[in-house]
PDB file of all heavy atoms in Angstrom:
ATOM      1  N   ARG A   1     172.786 123.712 178.165  1.00  0.00           N
ATOM      2  CA  ARG A   1     171.955 124.037 176.999  1.00  0.00           C
ATOM      3  C   ARG A   1     170.676 124.742 177.446  1.00  0.00           C
ATOM      4  O   ARG A   1     170.190 125.640 176.777  1.00  0.00           O
ATOM      5  CB  ARG A   1     171.575 122.771 176.244  1.00  0.00           C
ATOM      6  CG  ARG A   1     172.700 122.126 175.517  1.00  0.00           C
ATOM      7  CD  ARG A   1     172.192 120.931 174.694  1.00  0.00           C
ATOM      8  NE  ARG A   1     173.271 120.118 174.199  1.00  0.00           N
ATOM      9  CZ  ARG A   1     174.088 120.456 173.214  1.00  0.00           C
ATOM     10  NH1 ARG A   1     173.944 121.613 172.636  1.00  0.00           N
ATOM     11  NH2 ARG A   1     175.044 119.645 172.823  1.00  0.00           N
ATOM     12  N   PHE A   2     170.133 124.295 178.572  1.00  0.00           N
ATOM     13  CA  PHE A   2     168.902 124.879 179.085  1.00  0.00           C
ATOM     14  C   PHE A   2     169.086 126.369 179.366  1.00  0.00           C
ATOM     15  O   PHE A   2     168.197 127.177 179.082  1.00  0.00           O
ATOM     16  CB  PHE A   2     168.451 124.148 180.352  1.00  0.00           C
ATOM     17  CG  PHE A   2     167.160 124.665 180.905  1.00  0.00           C
ATOM     18  CD1 PHE A   2     165.961 124.439 180.250  1.00  0.00           C
ATOM     19  CD2 PHE A   2     167.145 125.398 182.083  1.00  0.00           C
ATOM     20  CE1 PHE A   2     164.768 124.928 180.752  1.00  0.00           C
ATOM     21  CE2 PHE A   2     165.956 125.893 182.591  1.00  0.00           C
ATOM     22  CZ  PHE A   2     164.766 125.660 181.935  1.00  0.00           C
ATOM     23  N   ASN A   3     170.245 126.756 179.894  1.00  0.00           N
ATOM     24  CA  ASN A   3     170.515 128.176 180.153  1.00  0.00           C
ATOM     25  C   ASN A   3     170.476 128.984 178.860  1.00  0.00           C
ATOM     26  O   ASN A   3     169.929 130.093 178.825  1.00  0.00           O
ATOM     27  CB  ASN A   3     171.867 128.364 180.832  1.00  0.00           C
ATOM     28  CG  ASN A   3     171.841 127.954 182.281  1.00  0.00           C
ATOM     29  OD1 ASN A   3     170.794 127.873 182.914  1.00  0.00           O
ATOM     30  ND2 ASN A   3     173.011 127.658 182.822  1.00  0.00           N
ATOM     31  N   PHE A   4     171.036 128.435 177.793  1.00  0.00           N
ATOM     32  CA  PHE A   4     171.031 129.157 176.523  1.00  0.00           C
ATOM     33  C   PHE A   4     169.624 129.225 175.931  1.00  0.00           C
ATOM     34  O   PHE A   4     169.260 130.199 175.299  1.00  0.00           O
ATOM     35  CB  PHE A   4     172.016 128.540 175.533  1.00  0.00           C
ATOM     36  CG  PHE A   4     173.439 128.918 175.847  1.00  0.00           C
ATOM     37  CD1 PHE A   4     174.264 128.058 176.554  1.00  0.00           C
ATOM     38  CD2 PHE A   4     173.952 130.137 175.456  1.00  0.00           C
ATOM     39  CE1 PHE A   4     175.566 128.398 176.860  1.00  0.00           C
ATOM     40  CE2 PHE A   4     175.252 130.502 175.751  1.00  0.00           C
ATOM     41  CZ  PHE A   4     176.060 129.626 176.460  1.00  0.00           C
ATOM     42  N   LYS A   5     168.831 128.180 176.150  1.00  0.00           N
ATOM     43  CA  LYS A   5     167.442 128.219 175.690  1.00  0.00           C
ATOM     44  C   LYS A   5     166.676 129.312 176.437  1.00  0.00           C
ATOM     45  O   LYS A   5     165.952 130.103 175.833  1.00  0.00           O
ATOM     46  CB  LYS A   5     166.765 126.871 175.891  1.00  0.00           C
ATOM     47  CG  LYS A   5     165.331 126.876 175.385  1.00  0.00           C
ATOM     48  CD  LYS A   5     164.608 125.603 175.706  1.00  0.00           C
ATOM     49  CE  LYS A   5     163.172 125.594 175.264  1.00  0.00           C
ATOM     50  NZ  LYS A   5     162.452 126.836 175.244  1.00  0.00           N
ATOM     51  N   LEU A   6     166.832 129.369 177.756  1.00  0.00           N
ATOM     52  CA  LEU A   6     166.180 130.424 178.540  1.00  0.00           C
ATOM     53  C   LEU A   6     166.643 131.805 178.095  1.00  0.00           C
ATOM     54  O   LEU A   6     165.836 132.719 177.943  1.00  0.00           O
ATOM     55  CB  LEU A   6     166.477 130.256 180.031  1.00  0.00           C
ATOM     56  CG  LEU A   6     165.660 129.239 180.789  1.00  0.00           C
ATOM     57  CD1 LEU A   6     166.161 129.141 182.225  1.00  0.00           C
ATOM     58  CD2 LEU A   6     164.188 129.602 180.770  1.00  0.00           C
ATOM     59  N   LEU A   7     167.943 131.943 177.894  1.00  0.00           N
ATOM     60  CA  LEU A   7     168.502 133.223 177.469  1.00  0.00           C
ATOM     61  C   LEU A   7     167.901 133.649 176.131  1.00  0.00           C
ATOM     62  O   LEU A   7     167.525 134.808 175.948  1.00  0.00           O
ATOM     63  CB  LEU A   7     170.023 133.125 177.389  1.00  0.00           C
ATOM     64  CG  LEU A   7     170.770 134.405 177.074  1.00  0.00           C
ATOM     65  CD1 LEU A   7     170.482 135.491 178.097  1.00  0.00           C
ATOM     66  CD2 LEU A   7     172.269 134.123 177.011  1.00  0.00           C
ATOM     67  N   LYS A   8     167.769 132.715 175.211  1.00  0.00           N
ATOM     68  CA  LYS A   8     167.173 133.023 173.911  1.00  0.00           C
ATOM     69  C   LYS A   8     165.726 133.478 174.073  1.00  0.00           C
ATOM     70  O   LYS A   8     165.301 134.471 173.468  1.00  0.00           O
ATOM     71  CB  LYS A   8     167.246 131.798 173.002  1.00  0.00           C
ATOM     72  CG  LYS A   8     166.661 132.029 171.638  1.00  0.00           C
ATOM     73  CD  LYS A   8     166.799 130.790 170.785  1.00  0.00           C
ATOM     74  CE  LYS A   8     166.202 131.025 169.421  1.00  0.00           C
ATOM     75  NZ  LYS A   8     166.393 129.867 168.552  1.00  0.00           N
ATOM     76  N   ASP A   9     164.973 132.763 174.893  1.00  0.00           N
ATOM     77  CA  ASP A   9     163.561 133.117 175.114  1.00  0.00           C
ATOM     78  C   ASP A   9     163.427 134.513 175.718  1.00  0.00           C
ATOM     79  O   ASP A   9     162.601 135.309 175.275  1.00  0.00           O
ATOM     80  CB  ASP A   9     162.887 132.095 176.024  1.00  0.00           C
ATOM     81  CG  ASP A   9     162.740 130.726 175.371  1.00  0.00           C
ATOM     82  OD1 ASP A   9     162.888 130.621 174.128  1.00  0.00           O
ATOM     83  OD2 ASP A   9     162.484 129.756 176.107  1.00  0.00           O
ATOM     84  N   TYR A  10     164.230 134.812 176.725  1.00  0.00           N
ATOM     85  CA  TYR A  10     164.148 136.128 177.368  1.00  0.00           C
ATOM     86  C   TYR A  10     164.686 137.234 176.469  1.00  0.00           C
ATOM     87  O   TYR A  10     164.174 138.352 176.476  1.00  0.00           O
ATOM     88  CB  TYR A  10     164.842 136.131 178.732  1.00  0.00           C
ATOM     89  CG  TYR A  10     163.958 135.582 179.808  1.00  0.00           C
ATOM     90  CD1 TYR A  10     164.065 134.253 180.211  1.00  0.00           C
ATOM     91  CD2 TYR A  10     162.980 136.367 180.406  1.00  0.00           C
ATOM     92  CE1 TYR A  10     163.229 133.730 181.188  1.00  0.00           C
ATOM     93  CE2 TYR A  10     162.142 135.866 181.377  1.00  0.00           C
ATOM     94  CZ  TYR A  10     162.273 134.545 181.769  1.00  0.00           C
ATOM     95  OH  TYR A  10     161.435 134.040 182.739  1.00  0.00           O
ATOM     96  N   ALA A  11     165.714 136.950 175.698  1.00  0.00           N
ATOM     97  CA  ALA A  11     166.234 137.954 174.762  1.00  0.00           C
ATOM     98  C   ALA A  11     165.137 138.359 173.786  1.00  0.00           C
ATOM     99  O   ALA A  11     164.943 139.551 173.510  1.00  0.00           O
ATOM    100  CB  ALA A  11     167.448 137.403 174.019  1.00  0.00           C
ATOM    101  N   ARG A  12     164.410 137.389 173.287  1.00  0.00           N
ATOM    102  CA  ARG A  12     163.304 137.676 172.368  1.00  0.00           C
ATOM    103  C   ARG A  12     162.234 138.498 173.082  1.00  0.00           C
ATOM    104  O   ARG A  12     161.745 139.489 172.557  1.00  0.00           O
ATOM    105  CB  ARG A  12     162.712 136.370 171.843  1.00  0.00           C
ATOM    106  CG  ARG A  12     161.645 136.593 170.788  1.00  0.00           C
ATOM    107  CD  ARG A  12     161.093 135.292 170.211  1.00  0.00           C
ATOM    108  NE  ARG A  12     162.147 134.452 169.662  1.00  0.00           N
ATOM    109  CZ  ARG A  12     162.378 133.196 170.071  1.00  0.00           C
ATOM    110  NH1 ARG A  12     161.646 132.650 171.000  1.00  0.00           N
ATOM    111  NH2 ARG A  12     163.344 132.500 169.518  1.00  0.00           N
ATOM    112  N   GLN A  13     161.890 138.085 174.292  1.00  0.00           N
ATOM    113  CA  GLN A  13     160.852 138.792 175.063  1.00  0.00           C
ATOM    114  C   GLN A  13     161.250 140.245 175.334  1.00  0.00           C
ATOM    115  O   GLN A  13     160.409 141.138 175.265  1.00  0.00           O
ATOM    116  CB  GLN A  13     160.624 138.060 176.384  1.00  0.00           C
ATOM    117  CG  GLN A  13     159.576 138.690 177.268  1.00  0.00           C
ATOM    118  CD  GLN A  13     159.415 137.917 178.570  1.00  0.00           C
ATOM    119  OE1 GLN A  13     159.720 136.744 178.666  1.00  0.00           O
ATOM    120  NE2 GLN A  13     158.943 138.608 179.582  1.00  0.00           N
ATOM    121  N   PHE A  14     162.523 140.477 175.643  1.00  0.00           N
ATOM    122  CA  PHE A  14     162.995 141.819 175.981  1.00  0.00           C
ATOM    123  C   PHE A  14     163.396 142.634 174.745  1.00  0.00           C
ATOM    124  O   PHE A  14     163.732 143.809 174.852  1.00  0.00           O
ATOM    125  CB  PHE A  14     164.200 141.765 176.917  1.00  0.00           C
ATOM    126  CG  PHE A  14     163.955 141.121 178.243  1.00  0.00           C
ATOM    127  CD1 PHE A  14     165.006 140.528 178.933  1.00  0.00           C
ATOM    128  CD2 PHE A  14     162.698 141.093 178.830  1.00  0.00           C
ATOM    129  CE1 PHE A  14     164.803 139.941 180.163  1.00  0.00           C
ATOM    130  CE2 PHE A  14     162.489 140.498 180.061  1.00  0.00           C
ATOM    131  CZ  PHE A  14     163.543 139.912 180.734  1.00  0.00           C
ATOM    132  N   GLY A  15     163.426 142.011 173.568  1.00  0.00           N
ATOM    133  CA  GLY A  15     163.834 142.708 172.356  1.00  0.00           C
ATOM    134  C   GLY A  15     165.327 142.997 172.322  1.00  0.00           C
ATOM    135  O   GLY A  15     165.757 144.039 171.815  1.00  0.00           O
ATOM    136  N   LYS A  16     166.139 142.062 172.834  1.00  0.00           N
ATOM    137  CA  LYS A  16     167.600 142.242 172.900  1.00  0.00           C
ATOM    138  C   LYS A  16     168.289 141.355 171.865  1.00  0.00           C
ATOM    139  O   LYS A  16     167.850 140.245 171.588  1.00  0.00           O
ATOM    140  CB  LYS A  16     168.137 141.838 174.282  1.00  0.00           C
ATOM    141  CG  LYS A  16     167.443 142.480 175.460  1.00  0.00           C
ATOM    142  CD  LYS A  16     167.819 143.917 175.626  1.00  0.00           C
ATOM    143  CE  LYS A  16     167.159 144.464 176.891  1.00  0.00           C
ATOM    144  NZ  LYS A  16     167.341 145.876 177.015  1.00  0.00           N
ATOM    145  N   ARG A  17     169.381 141.850 171.310  1.00  0.00           N
ATOM    146  CA  ARG A  17     170.276 141.065 170.466  1.00  0.00           C
ATOM    147  C   ARG A  17     171.520 140.808 171.305  1.00  0.00           C
ATOM    148  O   ARG A  17     172.233 141.747 171.654  1.00  0.00           O
ATOM    149  CB  ARG A  17     170.619 141.813 169.186  1.00  0.00           C
ATOM    150  CG  ARG A  17     169.458 141.858 168.198  1.00  0.00           C
ATOM    151  CD  ARG A  17     169.814 142.599 166.920  1.00  0.00           C
ATOM    152  NE  ARG A  17     170.209 143.990 167.159  1.00  0.00           N
ATOM    153  CZ  ARG A  17     169.354 145.007 167.293  1.00  0.00           C
ATOM    154  NH1 ARG A  17     168.058 144.792 167.232  1.00  0.00           N
ATOM    155  NH2 ARG A  17     169.793 146.226 167.488  1.00  0.00           N
ATOM    156  N   ILE A  18     171.756 139.557 171.597  1.00  0.00           N
ATOM    157  CA  ILE A  18     172.843 139.194 172.510  1.00  0.00           C
ATOM    158  C   ILE A  18     173.965 138.516 171.741  1.00  0.00           C
ATOM    159  O   ILE A  18     173.721 137.640 170.912  1.00  0.00           O
ATOM    160  CB  ILE A  18     172.313 138.260 173.618  1.00  0.00           C
ATOM    161  CG1 ILE A  18     171.278 139.007 174.451  1.00  0.00           C
ATOM    162  CG2 ILE A  18     173.453 137.743 174.489  1.00  0.00           C
ATOM    163  CD1 ILE A  18     170.574 138.163 175.473  1.00  0.00           C
ATOM    164  N   SER A  19     175.179 138.936 172.053  1.00  0.00           N
ATOM    165  CA  SER A  19     176.381 138.265 171.558  1.00  0.00           C
ATOM    166  C   SER A  19     177.093 137.671 172.761  1.00  0.00           C
ATOM    167  O   SER A  19     177.198 138.314 173.807  1.00  0.00           O
ATOM    168  CB  SER A  19     177.312 139.249 170.854  1.00  0.00           C
ATOM    169  OG  SER A  19     176.679 139.796 169.721  1.00  0.00           O
ATOM    170  N   ILE A  20     177.561 136.447 172.602  1.00  0.00           N
ATOM    171  CA  ILE A  20     178.267 135.747 173.674  1.00  0.00           C
ATOM    172  C   ILE A  20     179.757 135.826 173.396  1.00  0.00           C
ATOM    173  O   ILE A  20     180.216 135.479 172.302  1.00  0.00           O
ATOM    174  CB  ILE A  20     177.822 134.273 173.763  1.00  0.00           C
ATOM    175  CG1 ILE A  20     176.306 134.162 173.985  1.00  0.00           C
ATOM    176  CG2 ILE A  20     178.614 133.529 174.835  1.00  0.00           C
ATOM    177  CD1 ILE A  20     175.799 134.720 175.287  1.00  0.00           C
ATOM    178  N   ILE A  21     180.503 136.275 174.390  1.00  0.00           N
ATOM    179  CA  ILE A  21     181.960 136.362 174.300  1.00  0.00           C
ATOM    180  C   ILE A  21     182.517 135.396 175.338  1.00  0.00           C
ATOM    181  O   ILE A  21     182.267 135.556 176.534  1.00  0.00           O
ATOM    182  CB  ILE A  21     182.477 137.786 174.607  1.00  0.00           C
ATOM    183  CG1 ILE A  21     181.630 138.884 173.948  1.00  0.00           C
ATOM    184  CG2 ILE A  21     183.957 137.902 174.296  1.00  0.00           C
ATOM    185  CD1 ILE A  21     181.662 138.943 172.472  1.00  0.00           C
ATOM    186  N   SER A  22     183.245 134.376 174.883  1.00  0.00           N
ATOM    187  CA  SER A  22     183.815 133.401 175.812  1.00  0.00           C
ATOM    188  C   SER A  22     185.057 132.773 175.198  1.00  0.00           C
ATOM    189  O   SER A  22     185.056 132.445 174.011  1.00  0.00           O
ATOM    190  CB  SER A  22     182.806 132.298 176.133  1.00  0.00           C
ATOM    191  OG  SER A  22     183.387 131.323 176.981  1.00  0.00           O
ATOM    192  N   PRO A  23     186.094 132.558 176.013  1.00  0.00           N
ATOM    193  CA  PRO A  23     187.286 131.899 175.490  1.00  0.00           C
ATOM    194  C   PRO A  23     187.082 130.399 175.276  1.00  0.00           C
ATOM    195  O   PRO A  23     187.903 129.752 174.640  1.00  0.00           O
ATOM    196  CB  PRO A  23     188.341 132.162 176.574  1.00  0.00           C
ATOM    197  CG  PRO A  23     187.541 132.307 177.834  1.00  0.00           C
ATOM    198  CD  PRO A  23     186.248 132.958 177.405  1.00  0.00           C
ATOM    199  N   GLU A  24     185.987 129.850 175.788  1.00  0.00           N
ATOM    200  CA  GLU A  24     185.755 128.412 175.703  1.00  0.00           C
ATOM    201  C   GLU A  24     185.000 128.051 174.417  1.00  0.00           C
ATOM    202  O   GLU A  24     183.861 128.481 174.219  1.00  0.00           O
ATOM    203  CB  GLU A  24     184.959 127.922 176.905  1.00  0.00           C
ATOM    204  CG  GLU A  24     185.760 127.950 178.185  1.00  0.00           C
ATOM    205  CD  GLU A  24     185.088 127.212 179.315  1.00  0.00           C
ATOM    206  OE1 GLU A  24     184.241 126.323 179.051  1.00  0.00           O
ATOM    207  OE2 GLU A  24     185.412 127.512 180.461  1.00  0.00           O
ATOM    208  N   PRO A  25     185.608 127.244 173.551  1.00  0.00           N
ATOM    209  CA  PRO A  25     184.931 126.832 172.317  1.00  0.00           C
ATOM    210  C   PRO A  25     183.584 126.136 172.570  1.00  0.00           C
ATOM    211  O   PRO A  25     182.648 126.316 171.786  1.00  0.00           O
ATOM    212  CB  PRO A  25     185.931 125.875 171.657  1.00  0.00           C
ATOM    213  CG  PRO A  25     187.261 126.309 172.189  1.00  0.00           C
ATOM    214  CD  PRO A  25     186.988 126.759 173.604  1.00  0.00           C
ATOM    215  N   ALA A  26     183.466 125.368 173.634  1.00  0.00           N
ATOM    216  CA  ALA A  26     182.205 124.677 173.928  1.00  0.00           C
ATOM    217  C   ALA A  26     181.083 125.684 174.209  1.00  0.00           C
ATOM    218  O   ALA A  26     179.935 125.484 173.787  1.00  0.00           O
ATOM    219  CB  ALA A  26     182.372 123.724 175.111  1.00  0.00           C
ATOM    220  N   VAL A  27     181.402 126.762 174.905  1.00  0.00           N
ATOM    221  CA  VAL A  27     180.407 127.805 175.189  1.00  0.00           C
ATOM    222  C   VAL A  27     180.026 128.512 173.888  1.00  0.00           C
ATOM    223  O   VAL A  27     178.846 128.763 173.630  1.00  0.00           O
ATOM    224  CB  VAL A  27     180.938 128.803 176.244  1.00  0.00           C
ATOM    225  CG1 VAL A  27     180.003 129.989 176.388  1.00  0.00           C
ATOM    226  CG2 VAL A  27     181.151 128.111 177.580  1.00  0.00           C
ATOM    227  N   GLN A  28     181.007 128.799 173.070  1.00  0.00           N
ATOM    228  CA  GLN A  28     180.732 129.435 171.778  1.00  0.00           C
ATOM    229  C   GLN A  28     179.814 128.541 170.934  1.00  0.00           C
ATOM    230  O   GLN A  28     178.860 129.022 170.315  1.00  0.00           O
ATOM    231  CB  GLN A  28     182.033 129.691 171.023  1.00  0.00           C
ATOM    232  CG  GLN A  28     182.941 130.699 171.688  1.00  0.00           C
ATOM    233  CD  GLN A  28     184.304 130.738 171.032  1.00  0.00           C
ATOM    234  OE1 GLN A  28     184.424 130.598 169.823  1.00  0.00           O
ATOM    235  NE2 GLN A  28     185.343 130.921 171.835  1.00  0.00           N
ATOM    236  N   HIS A  29     180.082 127.255 170.946  1.00  0.00           N
ATOM    237  CA  HIS A  29     179.271 126.312 170.179  1.00  0.00           C
ATOM    238  C   HIS A  29     177.829 126.280 170.688  1.00  0.00           C
ATOM    239  O   HIS A  29     176.881 126.335 169.888  1.00  0.00           O
ATOM    240  CB  HIS A  29     179.899 124.917 170.236  1.00  0.00           C
ATOM    241  CG  HIS A  29     179.143 123.897 169.462  1.00  0.00           C
ATOM    242  ND1 HIS A  29     179.145 123.841 168.088  1.00  0.00           N
ATOM    243  CD2 HIS A  29     178.322 122.904 169.873  1.00  0.00           C
ATOM    244  CE1 HIS A  29     178.372 122.857 167.691  1.00  0.00           C
ATOM    245  NE2 HIS A  29     177.852 122.263 168.763  1.00  0.00           N
ATOM    246  N   LEU A  30     177.639 126.186 172.005  1.00  0.00           N
ATOM    247  CA  LEU A  30     176.289 126.200 172.579  1.00  0.00           C
ATOM    248  C   LEU A  30     175.558 127.494 172.208  1.00  0.00           C
ATOM    249  O   LEU A  30     174.374 127.468 171.879  1.00  0.00           O
ATOM    250  CB  LEU A  30     176.346 126.057 174.097  1.00  0.00           C
ATOM    251  CG  LEU A  30     176.555 124.655 174.650  1.00  0.00           C
ATOM    252  CD1 LEU A  30     176.729 124.707 176.169  1.00  0.00           C
ATOM    253  CD2 LEU A  30     175.394 123.753 174.282  1.00  0.00           C
TER     254      LEU A  30
END
């Protein structure tokens, strides 16, 4: 979860819209 929190913070800082593509439902949920 911490990785996704960091990713969200940096995406906002960099002005990026990120989409996560993963075959794992748990990753999609996070």
